[in-house]
Amino acid sequence: MPRKQNILPRPCPICNQVNGTIVIVDSHKGLNIRIGHYDKNKRKKAIDEGLTPSEKNIDKKIETKIKTKSRRWCTFTSYSRAIDKIDNELSDLLLKGKYFGPSKQNPPRTINLTKEGKNNFVNHIKKNGWEKR
């Protein structure tokens, strides 16, 4: 049984859903926002494909595959000040040698915000919207 869905600070600018998980991805073309929406039909299909763990021995890899296949992703670029601030902080770390952005050899990576950074980001989106272009 999936857990309670997260409520987004504003509805998704792609599909207008109010629930989802926000992920900020440092890609080769800058920062992108991905919003994962739970899809019960996709979850049912993943379980029907034989990805159901046994009752006694729950395999974490199988659970992860089910969770991954149970989401529909909306990806977009946001031109908000919050994203610019995150991008600038990453650039500062890059100049100081503490952060290495993705290269052709390295895949895009998820940005993990601090609790304060996450709260600031969510409050900014509540106030100003996603500012998608």
Protein backbone atom coordinates (compact mmCIF):
# COMPACT_ATOMS: atom_id res chain seq x y z
CA MET A 1 0.00 0.00 0.00
CA PRO A 2 1.54 3.33 -0.99
CA ARG A 3 1.98 6.02 1.63
CA LYS A 4 0.00 9.26 1.79
CA GLN A 5 0.75 11.48 -1.18
CA ASN A 6 2.66 14.75 -0.83
CA ILE A 7 0.73 17.92 -1.54
CA LEU A 8 2.61 20.23 -3.91
CA PRO A 9 3.04 23.93 -3.01
CA ARG A 10 1.19 24.73 -6.27
CA PRO A 11 -0.47 22.40 -8.79
CA CYS A 12 1.86 20.82 -11.35
CA PRO A 13 2.30 23.21 -14.31
CA ILE A 14 2.26 20.30 -16.77
CA CYS A 15 -0.77 18.22 -15.71
CA ASN A 16 -2.36 20.38 -12.98
CA GLN A 17 -2.31 17.62 -10.31
CA VAL A 18 -2.02 18.79 -6.70
CA ASN A 19 -0.09 15.76 -5.37
CA GLY A 20 3.44 14.68 -6.20
CA THR A 21 7.08 14.45 -5.23
CA ILE A 22 9.45 17.24 -6.26
CA VAL A 23 12.94 16.35 -7.45
CA ILE A 24 15.52 18.89 -8.63
CA VAL A 25 17.92 17.39 -11.17
CA ASP A 26 21.30 18.83 -12.17
CA SER A 27 21.36 17.84 -15.84
CA HIS A 28 23.81 18.65 -18.60
CA LYS A 29 21.62 21.61 -19.61
CA GLY A 30 21.10 23.18 -16.15
CA LEU A 31 18.65 22.51 -13.35
CA ASN A 32 15.33 20.84 -14.11
CA ILE A 33 12.37 20.14 -11.88
CA ARG A 34 10.73 16.73 -12.02
CA ILE A 35 7.42 16.05 -10.32
CA GLY A 36 6.54 12.41 -9.80
CA HIS A 37 2.85 11.62 -9.63
CA TYR A 38 1.57 8.33 -8.22
CA ASP A 39 -0.37 6.32 -10.80
CA LYS A 40 -2.37 3.43 -9.39
CA ASN A 41 -2.77 1.83 -12.83
CA LYS A 42 1.00 1.77 -13.32
CA ARG A 43 1.45 0.27 -9.85
CA LYS A 44 -1.09 -2.45 -10.62
CA LYS A 45 0.69 -3.18 -13.90
CA ALA A 46 4.09 -3.41 -12.13
CA ILE A 47 2.64 -5.84 -9.59
CA ASP A 48 0.99 -7.88 -12.37
CA GLU A 49 4.37 -8.13 -14.14
CA GLY A 50 5.55 -10.31 -11.28
CA LEU A 51 7.34 -7.66 -9.25
CA THR A 52 5.43 -8.53 -6.09
CA PRO A 53 7.73 -9.44 -3.21
CA SER A 54 6.95 -12.55 -1.22
CA GLU A 55 5.06 -12.05 2.02
CA LYS A 56 7.88 -13.39 4.21
CA ASN A 57 10.90 -11.93 2.45
CA ILE A 58 10.45 -8.37 1.16
CA ASP A 59 13.14 -7.61 -1.40
CA LYS A 60 14.06 -3.90 -1.36
CA LYS A 61 15.07 -3.97 -5.05
CA ILE A 62 11.62 -5.22 -6.01
CA GLU A 63 9.94 -2.58 -3.81
CA THR A 64 12.10 0.11 -5.45
CA LYS A 65 11.15 -1.12 -8.92
CA ILE A 66 7.47 -1.04 -7.99
CA LYS A 67 7.78 2.51 -6.62
CA THR A 68 9.67 3.65 -9.72
CA LYS A 69 7.19 2.10 -12.12
CA SER A 70 4.25 3.50 -10.11
CA ARG A 71 5.07 7.11 -11.02
CA ARG A 72 4.38 9.32 -13.98
CA TRP A 73 6.93 12.12 -14.30
CA CYS A 74 6.41 15.71 -15.42
CA THR A 75 9.74 17.41 -16.21
CA PHE A 76 10.24 21.11 -16.89
CA THR A 77 12.67 23.97 -16.46
CA SER A 78 11.75 26.64 -13.93
CA TYR A 79 13.02 30.18 -14.21
CA SER A 80 12.29 31.07 -10.61
CA ARG A 81 14.65 32.94 -8.30
CA ALA A 82 14.72 29.90 -6.01
CA ILE A 83 16.16 27.73 -8.80
CA ASP A 84 18.61 30.51 -9.73
CA LYS A 85 19.76 30.66 -6.10
CA ILE A 86 20.29 26.88 -5.98
CA ASP A 87 22.17 27.02 -9.29
CA ASN A 88 24.37 29.89 -8.04
CA GLU A 89 25.17 27.99 -4.83
CA LEU A 90 26.20 24.96 -6.89
CA SER A 91 28.35 27.19 -9.13
CA ASP A 92 30.07 28.66 -6.05
CA LEU A 93 30.80 25.14 -4.77
CA LEU A 94 32.08 24.18 -8.23
CA LEU A 95 34.51 27.12 -8.23
CA LYS A 96 35.71 26.13 -4.75
CA GLY A 97 36.25 22.56 -5.92
CA LYS A 98 33.61 21.13 -3.59
CA TYR A 99 31.05 20.18 -6.23
CA PHE A 100 31.48 18.64 -9.62
CA GLY A 101 28.69 19.13 -12.11
CA PRO A 102 27.65 16.35 -14.47
CA SER A 103 29.96 15.57 -17.35
CA LYS A 104 29.47 13.30 -20.33
CA GLN A 105 30.84 10.43 -18.23
CA ASN A 106 28.61 11.20 -15.23
CA PRO A 107 24.83 10.96 -15.41
CA PRO A 108 22.58 13.80 -14.21
CA ARG A 109 22.22 13.84 -10.43
CA THR A 110 19.51 14.73 -7.95
CA ILE A 111 20.09 17.83 -5.81
CA ASN A 112 19.48 17.19 -2.11
CA LEU A 113 18.41 20.36 -0.34
CA THR A 114 18.87 21.00 3.35
CA LYS A 115 15.69 21.22 5.43
CA GLU A 116 15.99 25.02 5.42
CA GLY A 117 16.65 25.07 1.67
CA LYS A 118 13.64 22.84 1.02
CA ASN A 119 11.38 25.06 3.17
CA ASN A 120 12.63 28.19 1.38
CA PHE A 121 12.07 26.55 -2.01
CA VAL A 122 8.53 25.42 -1.13
CA ASN A 123 7.64 28.86 0.29
CA HIS A 124 8.97 30.55 -2.85
CA ILE A 125 6.87 28.27 -5.09
CA LYS A 126 3.77 28.90 -2.93
CA LYS A 127 4.27 32.64 -3.28
CA ASN A 128 5.47 32.96 -6.90
CA GLY A 129 4.47 29.76 -8.68
CA TRP A 130 6.66 27.47 -10.78
CA GLU A 131 7.60 30.16 -13.35
CA LYS A 132 7.74 27.56 -16.11
CA ARG A 133 8.64 28.68 -19.61
